[in-house]
């Protein structure tokens, strides 16, 4: 339960431990022995590591896939030089090696400085 408590946000836990459950006294029977205490602490540390620091950031394995997984601003259809960028001729597709889709609204209403073919990266 201590590991589950940490997973739910506990920052302090109380746990009785003993060197031997066969020792006399009421608490020894319900206490953890050294190897069990070690496993509990290791489990708590695993949960803490899995929870992270609360800051969302890509993992090392995600970085290598970002160009493939991300999207770019592309021509949804052929665009002529001088044509306005509109919701009808811009879209977002993979790979993420072109202009970020976050720039979509900056493009809308602007004039294409050159021609773009279907699916061409901006």
Protein backbone atom coordinates (compact mmCIF):
# COMPACT_ATOMS: atom_id res chain seq x y z
CA UNK A 1 0.00 0.00 0.00
CA UNK A 2 2.94 2.34 0.60
CA UNK A 3 3.94 2.12 -3.08
CA UNK A 4 0.35 2.83 -4.15
CA UNK A 5 0.24 5.78 -1.73
CA UNK A 6 3.35 7.30 -3.33
CA UNK A 7 1.80 6.79 -6.78
CA UNK A 8 -1.21 8.76 -5.51
CA UNK A 9 0.95 11.63 -4.21
CA UNK A 10 2.11 10.68 -0.72
CA UNK A 11 5.46 12.22 0.17
CA UNK A 12 5.82 10.68 3.64
CA UNK A 13 5.05 7.11 4.64
CA UNK A 14 5.33 5.28 7.96
CA UNK A 15 6.25 1.63 7.97
CA UNK A 16 7.32 -0.57 10.86
CA UNK A 17 10.28 -2.81 10.27
CA UNK A 18 11.97 -5.56 12.25
CA UNK A 19 15.03 -7.73 12.02
CA UNK A 20 12.92 -10.83 12.63
CA UNK A 21 9.14 -11.33 12.81
CA UNK A 22 9.63 -14.04 15.44
CA UNK A 23 10.92 -11.54 18.01
CA UNK A 24 8.63 -10.94 21.00
CA UNK A 25 6.27 -7.97 20.97
CA UNK A 26 3.10 -6.93 19.16
CA UNK A 27 4.65 -4.99 16.23
CA UNK A 28 7.12 -7.56 14.88
CA UNK A 29 4.48 -9.80 13.26
CA UNK A 30 3.08 -6.91 11.17
CA UNK A 31 6.44 -5.32 10.32
CA UNK A 32 8.68 -5.63 7.27
CA UNK A 33 11.97 -7.48 7.46
CA UNK A 34 15.08 -5.85 5.91
CA UNK A 35 14.76 -7.49 2.47
CA UNK A 36 11.07 -6.56 2.28
CA UNK A 37 11.81 -2.98 3.32
CA UNK A 38 14.48 -2.80 0.60
CA UNK A 39 11.98 -4.03 -2.03
CA UNK A 40 9.39 -1.51 -0.83
CA UNK A 41 11.87 1.37 -1.09
CA UNK A 42 12.96 0.18 -4.54
CA UNK A 43 9.31 0.03 -5.63
CA UNK A 44 8.74 3.56 -4.35
CA UNK A 45 11.81 4.81 -6.22
CA UNK A 46 10.53 3.10 -9.40
CA UNK A 47 7.18 4.86 -9.05
CA UNK A 48 8.89 8.21 -8.44
CA UNK A 49 11.03 7.73 -11.56
CA UNK A 50 7.99 6.73 -13.63
CA UNK A 51 6.07 9.80 -12.49
CA UNK A 52 8.96 12.07 -13.48
CA UNK A 53 9.21 15.72 -12.55
CA UNK A 54 5.89 16.78 -14.07
CA UNK A 55 7.50 18.65 -16.96
CA UNK A 56 6.37 17.35 -20.36
CA UNK A 57 9.28 16.88 -22.74
CA UNK A 58 10.21 14.35 -25.42
CA UNK A 59 12.16 11.31 -24.32
CA UNK A 60 15.45 10.41 -26.01
CA UNK A 61 13.71 7.74 -28.08
CA UNK A 62 11.06 10.23 -29.23
CA UNK A 63 13.61 12.77 -30.49
CA UNK A 64 14.82 10.46 -33.24
CA UNK A 65 11.25 10.11 -34.59
CA UNK A 66 10.21 13.75 -34.41
CA UNK A 67 10.72 14.58 -38.12
CA UNK A 68 8.66 11.53 -39.06
CA UNK A 69 5.95 12.02 -36.43
CA UNK A 70 5.60 15.78 -36.74
CA UNK A 71 3.70 17.47 -39.50
CA UNK A 72 4.45 20.34 -41.86
CA UNK A 73 2.40 22.91 -43.68
CA UNK A 74 1.84 21.69 -47.27
CA UNK A 75 -0.14 22.58 -50.37
CA UNK A 76 -3.49 20.77 -50.30
CA UNK A 77 -3.67 21.24 -54.07
CA UNK A 78 -1.57 23.04 -56.66
CA UNK A 79 -1.14 26.73 -55.79
CA UNK A 80 -0.25 29.31 -58.43
CA UNK A 81 2.25 32.11 -57.86
CA UNK A 82 0.27 35.17 -56.71
CA UNK A 83 -2.64 33.08 -55.38
CA UNK A 84 -3.82 33.70 -51.82
CA UNK A 85 -3.22 31.00 -49.24
CA UNK A 86 -6.61 29.77 -48.00
CA UNK A 87 -8.16 27.05 -45.91
CA UNK A 88 -8.83 25.24 -49.17
CA UNK A 89 -5.25 25.14 -50.45
CA UNK A 90 -3.26 24.61 -47.23
CA UNK A 91 -3.16 21.53 -45.03
CA UNK A 92 -0.83 19.72 -42.64
CA UNK A 93 0.87 16.40 -43.39
CA UNK A 94 3.92 14.37 -42.48
CA UNK A 95 6.93 14.61 -42.44
CA UNK A 96 7.74 17.48 -40.09
CA UNK A 97 10.70 18.80 -42.07
CA UNK A 98 8.91 21.87 -43.45
CA UNK A 99 7.17 24.89 -41.94
CA UNK A 100 5.45 24.18 -38.62
CA UNK A 101 1.64 23.87 -38.75
CA UNK A 102 1.56 26.51 -36.01
CA UNK A 103 2.31 29.03 -38.77
CA UNK A 104 -0.93 28.08 -40.61
CA UNK A 105 -2.81 31.19 -39.50
CA UNK A 106 0.10 33.44 -40.49
CA UNK A 107 -0.06 32.05 -44.06
CA UNK A 108 -3.82 32.47 -44.50
CA UNK A 109 -4.62 35.50 -46.66
CA UNK A 110 -1.01 36.00 -47.79
CA UNK A 111 0.07 35.71 -51.40
CA UNK A 112 2.13 32.78 -52.65
CA UNK A 113 5.46 34.15 -53.88
CA UNK A 114 5.85 31.13 -56.19
CA UNK A 115 3.89 28.12 -57.45
CA UNK A 116 3.48 25.03 -55.27
CA UNK A 117 2.60 21.55 -56.43
CA UNK A 118 0.14 19.25 -54.64
CA UNK A 119 1.58 18.07 -51.28
CA UNK A 120 4.64 20.31 -51.59
CA UNK A 121 6.12 21.50 -48.31
CA UNK A 122 5.84 25.21 -47.62
